[in-house]
Amino acid sequence: MFLVVERALALRVSQVAPDSVLKSVLNGNVDQVGAADGESVAGRLVQRWKDGASGEVLKAWTRNELIRLHRGLHLLDSIVAAAPLLGLLGTVTGLATLFPEQGLPDSQTLTRGVGLALSTTMIGLCIAIPSLIAANWLGRRLEILSSRLDVLVEALEARRR
C-alpha cells in the first residue's frame, strides 16, 4: 500500500510535467521556465535544453527521467505475480493435509484442510487484485506523463530548428 501511495504522489502531473512549463514552451516563452520549475522532470529537461542538449541527447535525458519515474513499480508487478502463487501454495498445502498416510481423513482434518486451502486462496487474491488494479492505474499514469514529456521535447526541438 505504501508503494502505491508513494508512486501516486510522485507521479502527479504537477510534480512531473506541470501545465505552466508545458504551456510556456508551447507558447514559445521558454525563458519563463525558471529555477522554481527545476524541481519537476519537465523543468529539468527544459534546463538541459537551455544548457545545449538537443536531439538524441535530450531524448536520452527524457528516457533517463522516465526510468526514474518507474522506480519501485517492479515490486508492485512482483506482488501481482506472487500473491496468487502464494495462495495456490496454501491451497496445495491445505489439501495435502487432507490425505494422511493411512486411509481417508476424519471430518475435523477434512474441515481444517479445506478451510486452510480456501483462506489462503482468498488472501492471495485479496492481495493480487488490488495490486493489479493499482499497477494498471500507475502504468496508465506513466503513459500519460511520457506523452506529455514527448510533446515537451518535440516543442523544444522545434524551437531549436
N, C-alpha and C. Protein backbone atom coordinates (compact mmCIF):
# COMPACT_ATOMS: atom_id res chain seq x y z
N MET A 1 0.83 -1.18 0.00
CA MET A 1 0.00 0.00 0.00
C MET A 1 0.88 1.25 0.00
N PHE A 2 1.96 1.21 0.78
CA PHE A 2 2.87 2.36 0.83
C PHE A 2 3.42 2.66 -0.56
N LEU A 3 3.80 1.63 -1.27
CA LEU A 3 4.37 1.80 -2.61
C LEU A 3 3.37 2.47 -3.55
N VAL A 4 2.13 2.08 -3.49
CA VAL A 4 1.10 2.64 -4.37
C VAL A 4 0.89 4.12 -4.04
N VAL A 5 0.78 4.44 -2.77
CA VAL A 5 0.57 5.85 -2.36
C VAL A 5 1.78 6.70 -2.73
N GLU A 6 2.97 6.20 -2.47
CA GLU A 6 4.19 6.96 -2.78
C GLU A 6 4.30 7.22 -4.28
N ARG A 7 4.05 6.21 -5.09
CA ARG A 7 4.14 6.39 -6.54
C ARG A 7 3.02 7.30 -7.06
N ALA A 8 1.83 7.19 -6.48
CA ALA A 8 0.74 8.07 -6.90
C ALA A 8 1.08 9.53 -6.62
N LEU A 9 1.71 9.80 -5.49
CA LEU A 9 2.12 11.17 -5.17
C LEU A 9 3.26 11.63 -6.07
N ALA A 10 4.20 10.74 -6.33
CA ALA A 10 5.35 11.10 -7.16
C ALA A 10 4.97 11.29 -8.63
N LEU A 11 3.91 10.65 -9.07
CA LEU A 11 3.52 10.70 -10.48
C LEU A 11 2.39 11.69 -10.75
N ARG A 12 2.24 12.67 -9.89
CA ARG A 12 1.25 13.72 -10.15
C ARG A 12 1.76 14.58 -11.30
N VAL A 13 0.84 15.06 -12.11
CA VAL A 13 1.21 15.92 -13.24
C VAL A 13 1.97 17.14 -12.75
N SER A 14 1.56 17.71 -11.64
CA SER A 14 2.23 18.91 -11.11
C SER A 14 3.66 18.63 -10.68
N GLN A 15 3.98 17.39 -10.38
CA GLN A 15 5.34 17.02 -9.99
C GLN A 15 6.22 16.69 -11.18
N VAL A 16 5.63 16.17 -12.24
CA VAL A 16 6.40 15.67 -13.37
C VAL A 16 6.42 16.65 -14.54
N ALA A 17 5.25 17.02 -15.01
CA ALA A 17 5.16 17.90 -16.19
C ALA A 17 4.06 18.94 -15.95
N PRO A 18 4.36 19.96 -15.13
CA PRO A 18 3.33 20.95 -14.81
C PRO A 18 2.82 21.67 -16.06
N ASP A 19 1.56 22.03 -16.00
CA ASP A 19 0.95 22.75 -17.12
C ASP A 19 1.68 24.05 -17.42
N SER A 20 2.17 24.73 -16.37
CA SER A 20 2.85 26.01 -16.59
C SER A 20 4.09 25.85 -17.46
N VAL A 21 4.87 24.80 -17.23
CA VAL A 21 6.08 24.56 -18.03
C VAL A 21 5.70 24.22 -19.46
N LEU A 22 4.74 23.30 -19.60
CA LEU A 22 4.33 22.87 -20.93
C LEU A 22 3.76 24.04 -21.74
N LYS A 23 2.90 24.85 -21.11
CA LYS A 23 2.32 25.99 -21.81
C LYS A 23 3.37 27.03 -22.19
N SER A 24 4.32 27.26 -21.29
CA SER A 24 5.39 28.22 -21.60
C SER A 24 6.18 27.79 -22.82
N VAL A 25 6.52 26.51 -22.89
CA VAL A 25 7.30 26.01 -24.01
C VAL A 25 6.47 26.03 -25.29
N LEU A 26 5.22 25.59 -25.21
CA LEU A 26 4.37 25.56 -26.40
C LEU A 26 4.07 26.97 -26.92
N ASN A 27 4.03 27.96 -26.03
CA ASN A 27 3.79 29.34 -26.44
C ASN A 27 5.07 30.07 -26.85
N GLY A 28 6.19 29.38 -26.76
CA GLY A 28 7.46 29.99 -27.15
C GLY A 28 8.10 30.84 -26.08
N ASN A 29 7.64 30.73 -24.85
CA ASN A 29 8.19 31.52 -23.74
C ASN A 29 9.08 30.66 -22.85
N VAL A 30 10.08 30.04 -23.45
CA VAL A 30 10.95 29.15 -22.70
C VAL A 30 11.68 29.89 -21.59
N ASP A 31 11.94 31.17 -21.77
CA ASP A 31 12.65 31.94 -20.76
C ASP A 31 11.84 32.08 -19.47
N GLN A 32 10.52 31.88 -19.53
CA GLN A 32 9.70 31.96 -18.33
C GLN A 32 9.86 30.73 -17.43
N VAL A 33 10.42 29.67 -17.97
CA VAL A 33 10.66 28.47 -17.18
C VAL A 33 11.92 28.74 -16.36
N GLY A 34 11.73 28.85 -15.05
CA GLY A 34 12.84 29.24 -14.20
C GLY A 34 13.31 28.16 -13.26
N ALA A 35 14.08 28.59 -12.27
CA ALA A 35 14.67 27.66 -11.31
C ALA A 35 13.61 26.95 -10.48
N ALA A 36 12.51 27.63 -10.21
CA ALA A 36 11.44 27.02 -9.42
C ALA A 36 10.85 25.81 -10.14
N ASP A 37 10.85 25.85 -11.45
CA ASP A 37 10.32 24.73 -12.23
C ASP A 37 11.32 23.58 -12.34
N GLY A 38 12.55 23.79 -11.90
CA GLY A 38 13.59 22.78 -11.98
C GLY A 38 13.35 21.58 -11.10
N GLU A 39 12.37 21.69 -10.20
CA GLU A 39 12.04 20.55 -9.33
C GLU A 39 11.26 19.48 -10.08
N SER A 40 10.66 19.85 -11.19
CA SER A 40 9.88 18.88 -11.97
C SER A 40 10.75 18.27 -13.06
N VAL A 41 10.32 17.13 -13.56
CA VAL A 41 11.03 16.48 -14.66
C VAL A 41 11.05 17.40 -15.88
N ALA A 42 9.90 17.99 -16.19
CA ALA A 42 9.82 18.89 -17.35
C ALA A 42 10.75 20.09 -17.18
N GLY A 43 10.81 20.64 -15.98
CA GLY A 43 11.70 21.76 -15.72
C GLY A 43 13.16 21.39 -15.90
N ARG A 44 13.52 20.18 -15.46
CA ARG A 44 14.91 19.72 -15.64
C ARG A 44 15.23 19.52 -17.11
N LEU A 45 14.27 19.01 -17.88
CA LEU A 45 14.50 18.82 -19.32
C LEU A 45 14.66 20.16 -20.03
N VAL A 46 13.85 21.15 -19.66
CA VAL A 46 13.99 22.48 -20.25
C VAL A 46 15.36 23.06 -19.89
N GLN A 47 15.80 22.86 -18.67
CA GLN A 47 17.11 23.37 -18.26
C GLN A 47 18.23 22.69 -19.05
N ARG A 48 18.11 21.39 -19.26
CA ARG A 48 19.13 20.70 -20.07
C ARG A 48 19.12 21.21 -21.51
N TRP A 49 17.94 21.52 -22.04
CA TRP A 49 17.82 22.09 -23.38
C TRP A 49 18.50 23.46 -23.41
N LYS A 50 18.27 24.26 -22.38
CA LYS A 50 18.92 25.58 -22.31
C LYS A 50 20.44 25.44 -22.22
N ASP A 51 20.90 24.35 -21.60
CA ASP A 51 22.34 24.11 -21.48
C ASP A 51 22.94 23.55 -22.76
N GLY A 52 22.12 23.33 -23.78
CA GLY A 52 22.65 22.91 -25.08
C GLY A 52 22.32 21.50 -25.50
N ALA A 53 21.64 20.73 -24.67
CA ALA A 53 21.27 19.36 -25.06
C ALA A 53 20.19 19.43 -26.14
N SER A 54 20.36 18.62 -27.17
CA SER A 54 19.36 18.59 -28.23
C SER A 54 19.37 17.23 -28.89
N GLY A 55 18.36 16.99 -29.71
CA GLY A 55 18.29 15.74 -30.48
C GLY A 55 18.28 14.51 -29.61
N GLU A 56 19.13 13.56 -29.97
CA GLU A 56 19.19 12.29 -29.26
C GLU A 56 19.65 12.45 -27.81
N VAL A 57 20.45 13.45 -27.56
CA VAL A 57 20.91 13.69 -26.18
C VAL A 57 19.73 14.06 -25.30
N LEU A 58 18.89 14.96 -25.77
CA LEU A 58 17.72 15.37 -24.99
C LEU A 58 16.74 14.21 -24.83
N LYS A 59 16.60 13.41 -25.86
CA LYS A 59 15.73 12.24 -25.77
C LYS A 59 16.29 11.21 -24.79
N ALA A 60 17.61 11.09 -24.74
CA ALA A 60 18.23 10.18 -23.77
C ALA A 60 17.97 10.66 -22.34
N TRP A 61 18.06 11.97 -22.12
CA TRP A 61 17.75 12.52 -20.80
C TRP A 61 16.29 12.25 -20.44
N THR A 62 15.41 12.35 -21.43
CA THR A 62 13.99 12.08 -21.19
C THR A 62 13.79 10.62 -20.80
N ARG A 63 14.43 9.70 -21.52
CA ARG A 63 14.33 8.28 -21.18
C ARG A 63 14.87 8.03 -19.78
N ASN A 64 15.96 8.69 -19.43
CA ASN A 64 16.53 8.54 -18.10
C ASN A 64 15.54 9.00 -17.02
N GLU A 65 14.88 10.12 -17.26
CA GLU A 65 13.88 10.62 -16.30
C GLU A 65 12.69 9.66 -16.21
N LEU A 66 12.28 9.09 -17.34
CA LEU A 66 11.16 8.14 -17.32
C LEU A 66 11.52 6.87 -16.55
N ILE A 67 12.76 6.43 -16.68
CA ILE A 67 13.20 5.26 -15.92
C ILE A 67 13.15 5.56 -14.43
N ARG A 68 13.54 6.76 -14.05
CA ARG A 68 13.45 7.16 -12.64
C ARG A 68 12.01 7.16 -12.15
N LEU A 69 11.08 7.55 -13.03
CA LEU A 69 9.67 7.56 -12.64
C LEU A 69 9.12 6.15 -12.45
N HIS A 70 9.71 5.17 -13.09
CA HIS A 70 9.28 3.77 -12.96
C HIS A 70 9.79 3.14 -11.67
N ARG A 71 10.55 3.88 -10.90
CA ARG A 71 11.16 3.34 -9.67
C ARG A 71 10.11 2.67 -8.77
N GLY A 72 10.38 1.46 -8.35
CA GLY A 72 9.54 0.73 -7.42
C GLY A 72 8.39 -0.03 -8.06
N LEU A 73 8.06 0.26 -9.30
CA LEU A 73 6.91 -0.42 -9.91
C LEU A 73 7.19 -1.90 -10.18
N HIS A 74 8.45 -2.27 -10.31
CA HIS A 74 8.76 -3.68 -10.49
C HIS A 74 8.36 -4.48 -9.24
N LEU A 75 8.43 -3.85 -8.06
CA LEU A 75 8.00 -4.53 -6.84
C LEU A 75 6.49 -4.79 -6.87
N LEU A 76 5.75 -3.81 -7.34
CA LEU A 76 4.31 -3.98 -7.45
C LEU A 76 3.98 -5.09 -8.45
N ASP A 77 4.69 -5.13 -9.55
CA ASP A 77 4.49 -6.21 -10.53
C ASP A 77 4.81 -7.57 -9.92
N SER A 78 5.84 -7.62 -9.09
CA SER A 78 6.20 -8.88 -8.43
C SER A 78 5.11 -9.32 -7.45
N ILE A 79 4.52 -8.35 -6.74
CA ILE A 79 3.44 -8.68 -5.81
C ILE A 79 2.24 -9.22 -6.59
N VAL A 80 1.92 -8.59 -7.70
CA VAL A 80 0.80 -9.04 -8.54
C VAL A 80 1.03 -10.48 -8.99
N ALA A 81 2.26 -10.81 -9.34
CA ALA A 81 2.56 -12.16 -9.83
C ALA A 81 2.66 -13.17 -8.69
N ALA A 82 3.21 -12.77 -7.55
CA ALA A 82 3.49 -13.73 -6.48
C ALA A 82 2.29 -14.01 -5.58
N ALA A 83 1.41 -13.05 -5.38
CA ALA A 83 0.30 -13.25 -4.45
C ALA A 83 -0.60 -14.43 -4.82
N PRO A 84 -1.03 -14.56 -6.08
CA PRO A 84 -1.85 -15.74 -6.41
C PRO A 84 -1.07 -17.04 -6.27
N LEU A 85 0.22 -16.98 -6.54
CA LEU A 85 1.03 -18.19 -6.39
C LEU A 85 1.15 -18.60 -4.92
N LEU A 86 1.27 -17.62 -4.03
CA LEU A 86 1.30 -17.94 -2.60
C LEU A 86 -0.05 -18.49 -2.16
N GLY A 87 -1.13 -17.96 -2.70
CA GLY A 87 -2.45 -18.51 -2.41
C GLY A 87 -2.57 -19.93 -2.89
N LEU A 88 -2.04 -20.20 -4.07
CA LEU A 88 -2.06 -21.56 -4.62
C LEU A 88 -1.21 -22.50 -3.76
N LEU A 89 -0.08 -22.02 -3.29
CA LEU A 89 0.76 -22.82 -2.40
C LEU A 89 0.00 -23.19 -1.13
N GLY A 90 -0.71 -22.22 -0.58
CA GLY A 90 -1.52 -22.50 0.60
C GLY A 90 -2.62 -23.50 0.31
N THR A 91 -3.20 -23.39 -0.88
CA THR A 91 -4.25 -24.33 -1.28
C THR A 91 -3.69 -25.75 -1.35
N VAL A 92 -2.56 -25.88 -1.98
CA VAL A 92 -1.94 -27.20 -2.10
C VAL A 92 -1.55 -27.73 -0.72
N THR A 93 -1.02 -26.86 0.13
CA THR A 93 -0.64 -27.28 1.48
C THR A 93 -1.88 -27.73 2.26
N GLY A 94 -2.96 -26.95 2.15
CA GLY A 94 -4.19 -27.33 2.84
C GLY A 94 -4.74 -28.65 2.35
N LEU A 95 -4.71 -28.84 1.05
CA LEU A 95 -5.22 -30.09 0.50
C LEU A 95 -4.30 -31.26 0.82
N ALA A 96 -3.01 -31.00 0.94
CA ALA A 96 -2.07 -32.07 1.26
C ALA A 96 -2.31 -32.61 2.66
N THR A 97 -2.80 -31.78 3.57
CA THR A 97 -3.07 -32.25 4.93
C THR A 97 -4.31 -33.14 4.99
N LEU A 98 -5.09 -33.13 3.93
CA LEU A 98 -6.32 -33.94 3.90
C LEU A 98 -6.06 -35.44 3.78
N PHE A 99 -4.93 -35.78 3.23
CA PHE A 99 -4.70 -37.19 2.92
C PHE A 99 -3.53 -37.73 3.72
N PRO A 100 -3.82 -38.25 4.89
CA PRO A 100 -2.75 -38.85 5.70
C PRO A 100 -2.27 -40.15 5.05
N GLU A 101 -1.21 -40.69 5.61
CA GLU A 101 -0.62 -41.89 5.02
C GLU A 101 -1.56 -43.09 5.09
N GLN A 102 -2.38 -43.15 6.11
CA GLN A 102 -3.25 -44.32 6.25
C GLN A 102 -4.72 -43.92 6.08
N GLY A 103 -5.27 -44.19 4.92
CA GLY A 103 -6.69 -44.06 4.67
C GLY A 103 -7.21 -42.66 4.48
N LEU A 104 -8.53 -42.52 4.69
CA LEU A 104 -9.21 -41.26 4.50
C LEU A 104 -9.14 -40.41 5.76
N PRO A 105 -9.18 -39.08 5.61
CA PRO A 105 -9.10 -38.22 6.78
C PRO A 105 -10.40 -38.20 7.57
N ASP A 106 -10.29 -37.88 8.86
CA ASP A 106 -11.50 -37.70 9.66
C ASP A 106 -12.13 -36.35 9.33
N SER A 107 -13.32 -36.11 9.80
CA SER A 107 -14.05 -34.89 9.42
C SER A 107 -13.36 -33.63 9.93
N GLN A 108 -12.73 -33.68 11.08
CA GLN A 108 -12.04 -32.49 11.61
C GLN A 108 -10.83 -32.13 10.74
N THR A 109 -10.07 -33.11 10.32
CA THR A 109 -8.92 -32.88 9.45
C THR A 109 -9.39 -32.37 8.09
N LEU A 110 -10.47 -32.93 7.60
CA LEU A 110 -11.02 -32.51 6.31
C LEU A 110 -11.45 -31.04 6.37
N THR A 111 -12.14 -30.67 7.42
CA THR A 111 -12.61 -29.29 7.58
C THR A 111 -11.44 -28.32 7.70
N ARG A 112 -10.46 -28.68 8.49
CA ARG A 112 -9.28 -27.81 8.67
C ARG A 112 -8.51 -27.66 7.36
N GLY A 113 -8.32 -28.72 6.62
CA GLY A 113 -7.58 -28.66 5.35
C GLY A 113 -8.30 -27.83 4.30
N VAL A 114 -9.61 -28.02 4.17
CA VAL A 114 -10.38 -27.24 3.20
C VAL A 114 -10.41 -25.77 3.61
N GLY A 115 -10.55 -25.51 4.91
CA GLY A 115 -10.54 -24.13 5.41
C GLY A 115 -9.23 -23.43 5.12
N LEU A 116 -8.12 -24.14 5.35
CA LEU A 116 -6.81 -23.56 5.05
C LEU A 116 -6.66 -23.30 3.57
N ALA A 117 -7.10 -24.24 2.75
CA ALA A 117 -6.99 -24.08 1.29
C ALA A 117 -7.79 -22.87 0.83
N LEU A 118 -9.01 -22.72 1.30
CA LEU A 118 -9.86 -21.61 0.87
C LEU A 118 -9.36 -20.26 1.41
N SER A 119 -8.92 -20.24 2.64
CA SER A 119 -8.48 -18.96 3.22
C SER A 119 -7.19 -18.47 2.57
N THR A 120 -6.26 -19.34 2.28
CA THR A 120 -5.02 -18.88 1.64
C THR A 120 -5.27 -18.43 0.21
N THR A 121 -6.18 -19.11 -0.48
CA THR A 121 -6.53 -18.67 -1.82
C THR A 121 -7.16 -17.28 -1.77
N MET A 122 -8.06 -17.08 -0.82
CA MET A 122 -8.73 -15.79 -0.67
C MET A 122 -7.73 -14.68 -0.32
N ILE A 123 -6.82 -14.96 0.57
CA ILE A 123 -5.82 -13.95 0.95
C ILE A 123 -4.94 -13.59 -0.25
N GLY A 124 -4.51 -14.59 -0.99
CA GLY A 124 -3.70 -14.32 -2.19
C GLY A 124 -4.42 -13.46 -3.20
N LEU A 125 -5.69 -13.75 -3.42
CA LEU A 125 -6.47 -12.96 -4.38
C LEU A 125 -6.78 -11.57 -3.84
N CYS A 126 -6.99 -11.44 -2.53
CA CYS A 126 -7.25 -10.12 -1.93
C CYS A 126 -6.02 -9.22 -2.02
N ILE A 127 -4.87 -9.80 -2.13
CA ILE A 127 -3.65 -9.00 -2.31
C ILE A 127 -3.42 -8.73 -3.80
N ALA A 128 -3.61 -9.74 -4.63
CA ALA A 128 -3.30 -9.62 -6.06
C ALA A 128 -4.24 -8.69 -6.81
N ILE A 129 -5.52 -8.75 -6.53
CA ILE A 129 -6.49 -7.97 -7.31
C ILE A 129 -6.28 -6.46 -7.11
N PRO A 130 -6.23 -5.95 -5.87
CA PRO A 130 -5.97 -4.51 -5.73
C PRO A 130 -4.59 -4.10 -6.26
N SER A 131 -3.61 -4.98 -6.11
CA SER A 131 -2.28 -4.67 -6.63
C SER A 131 -2.29 -4.57 -8.15
N LEU A 132 -3.04 -5.45 -8.79
CA LEU A 132 -3.16 -5.41 -10.25
C LEU A 132 -3.85 -4.13 -10.70
N ILE A 133 -4.91 -3.74 -10.02
CA ILE A 133 -5.61 -2.50 -10.36
C ILE A 133 -4.67 -1.31 -10.18
N ALA A 134 -3.94 -1.27 -9.07
CA ALA A 134 -3.01 -0.17 -8.82
C ALA A 134 -1.89 -0.15 -9.86
N ALA A 135 -1.35 -1.30 -10.21
CA ALA A 135 -0.28 -1.36 -11.20
C ALA A 135 -0.75 -0.87 -12.56
N ASN A 136 -1.96 -1.25 -12.95
CA ASN A 136 -2.51 -0.79 -14.23
C ASN A 136 -2.77 0.71 -14.20
N TRP A 137 -3.28 1.22 -13.11
CA TRP A 137 -3.55 2.65 -12.97
C TRP A 137 -2.25 3.46 -13.03
N LEU A 138 -1.24 3.01 -12.29
CA LEU A 138 0.05 3.71 -12.32
C LEU A 138 0.72 3.60 -13.69
N GLY A 139 0.58 2.46 -14.34
CA GLY A 139 1.14 2.30 -15.69
C GLY A 139 0.50 3.25 -16.67
N ARG A 140 -0.81 3.41 -16.58
CA ARG A 140 -1.51 4.36 -17.46
C ARG A 140 -1.08 5.79 -17.15
N ARG A 141 -0.91 6.09 -15.88
CA ARG A 141 -0.45 7.43 -15.50
C ARG A 141 0.94 7.70 -16.08
N LEU A 142 1.80 6.71 -16.06
CA LEU A 142 3.14 6.86 -16.65
C LEU A 142 3.06 7.07 -18.16
N GLU A 143 2.15 6.40 -18.83
CA GLU A 143 1.97 6.61 -20.27
C GLU A 143 1.56 8.05 -20.57
N ILE A 144 0.65 8.58 -19.77
CA ILE A 144 0.20 9.96 -19.96
C ILE A 144 1.35 10.94 -19.73
N LEU A 145 2.10 10.72 -18.66
CA LEU A 145 3.24 11.60 -18.37
C LEU A 145 4.31 11.49 -19.44
N SER A 146 4.54 10.29 -19.94
CA SER A 146 5.52 10.09 -21.01
C SER A 146 5.09 10.85 -22.26
N SER A 147 3.82 10.82 -22.56
CA SER A 147 3.30 11.55 -23.71
C SER A 147 3.50 13.05 -23.53
N ARG A 148 3.23 13.56 -22.35
CA ARG A 148 3.42 15.00 -22.09
C ARG A 148 4.89 15.39 -22.25
N LEU A 149 5.79 14.51 -21.78
CA LEU A 149 7.22 14.80 -21.92
C LEU A 149 7.66 14.73 -23.38
N ASP A 150 7.08 13.80 -24.15
CA ASP A 150 7.38 13.73 -25.59
C ASP A 150 6.97 15.02 -26.29
N VAL A 151 5.78 15.52 -25.95
CA VAL A 151 5.32 16.78 -26.54
C VAL A 151 6.27 17.91 -26.17
N LEU A 152 6.70 17.94 -24.92
CA LEU A 152 7.64 18.97 -24.46
C LEU A 152 8.95 18.91 -25.25
N VAL A 153 9.52 17.72 -25.40
CA VAL A 153 10.79 17.57 -26.11
C VAL A 153 10.63 17.96 -27.57
N GLU A 154 9.55 17.55 -28.19
CA GLU A 154 9.33 17.91 -29.59
C GLU A 154 9.17 19.43 -29.75
N ALA A 155 8.49 20.07 -28.82
CA ALA A 155 8.33 21.53 -28.87
C ALA A 155 9.68 22.22 -28.68
N LEU A 156 10.51 21.69 -27.80
CA LEU A 156 11.84 22.26 -27.60
C LEU A 156 12.69 22.08 -28.86
N GLU A 157 12.62 20.91 -29.45
CA GLU A 157 13.39 20.64 -30.66
C GLU A 157 12.94 21.53 -31.81
N ALA A 158 11.64 21.77 -31.90
CA ALA A 158 11.12 22.63 -32.97
C ALA A 158 11.63 24.06 -32.80
N ARG A 159 11.79 24.50 -31.57
CA ARG A 159 12.32 25.85 -31.32
C ARG A 159 13.78 25.97 -31.74
N ARG A 160 14.52 24.88 -31.63
CA ARG A 160 15.96 24.93 -31.95
C ARG A 160 16.17 25.01 -33.45
N ARG A 161 15.26 24.46 -34.26
CA ARG A 161 15.43 24.39 -35.71
C ARG A 161 15.34 25.74 -36.34
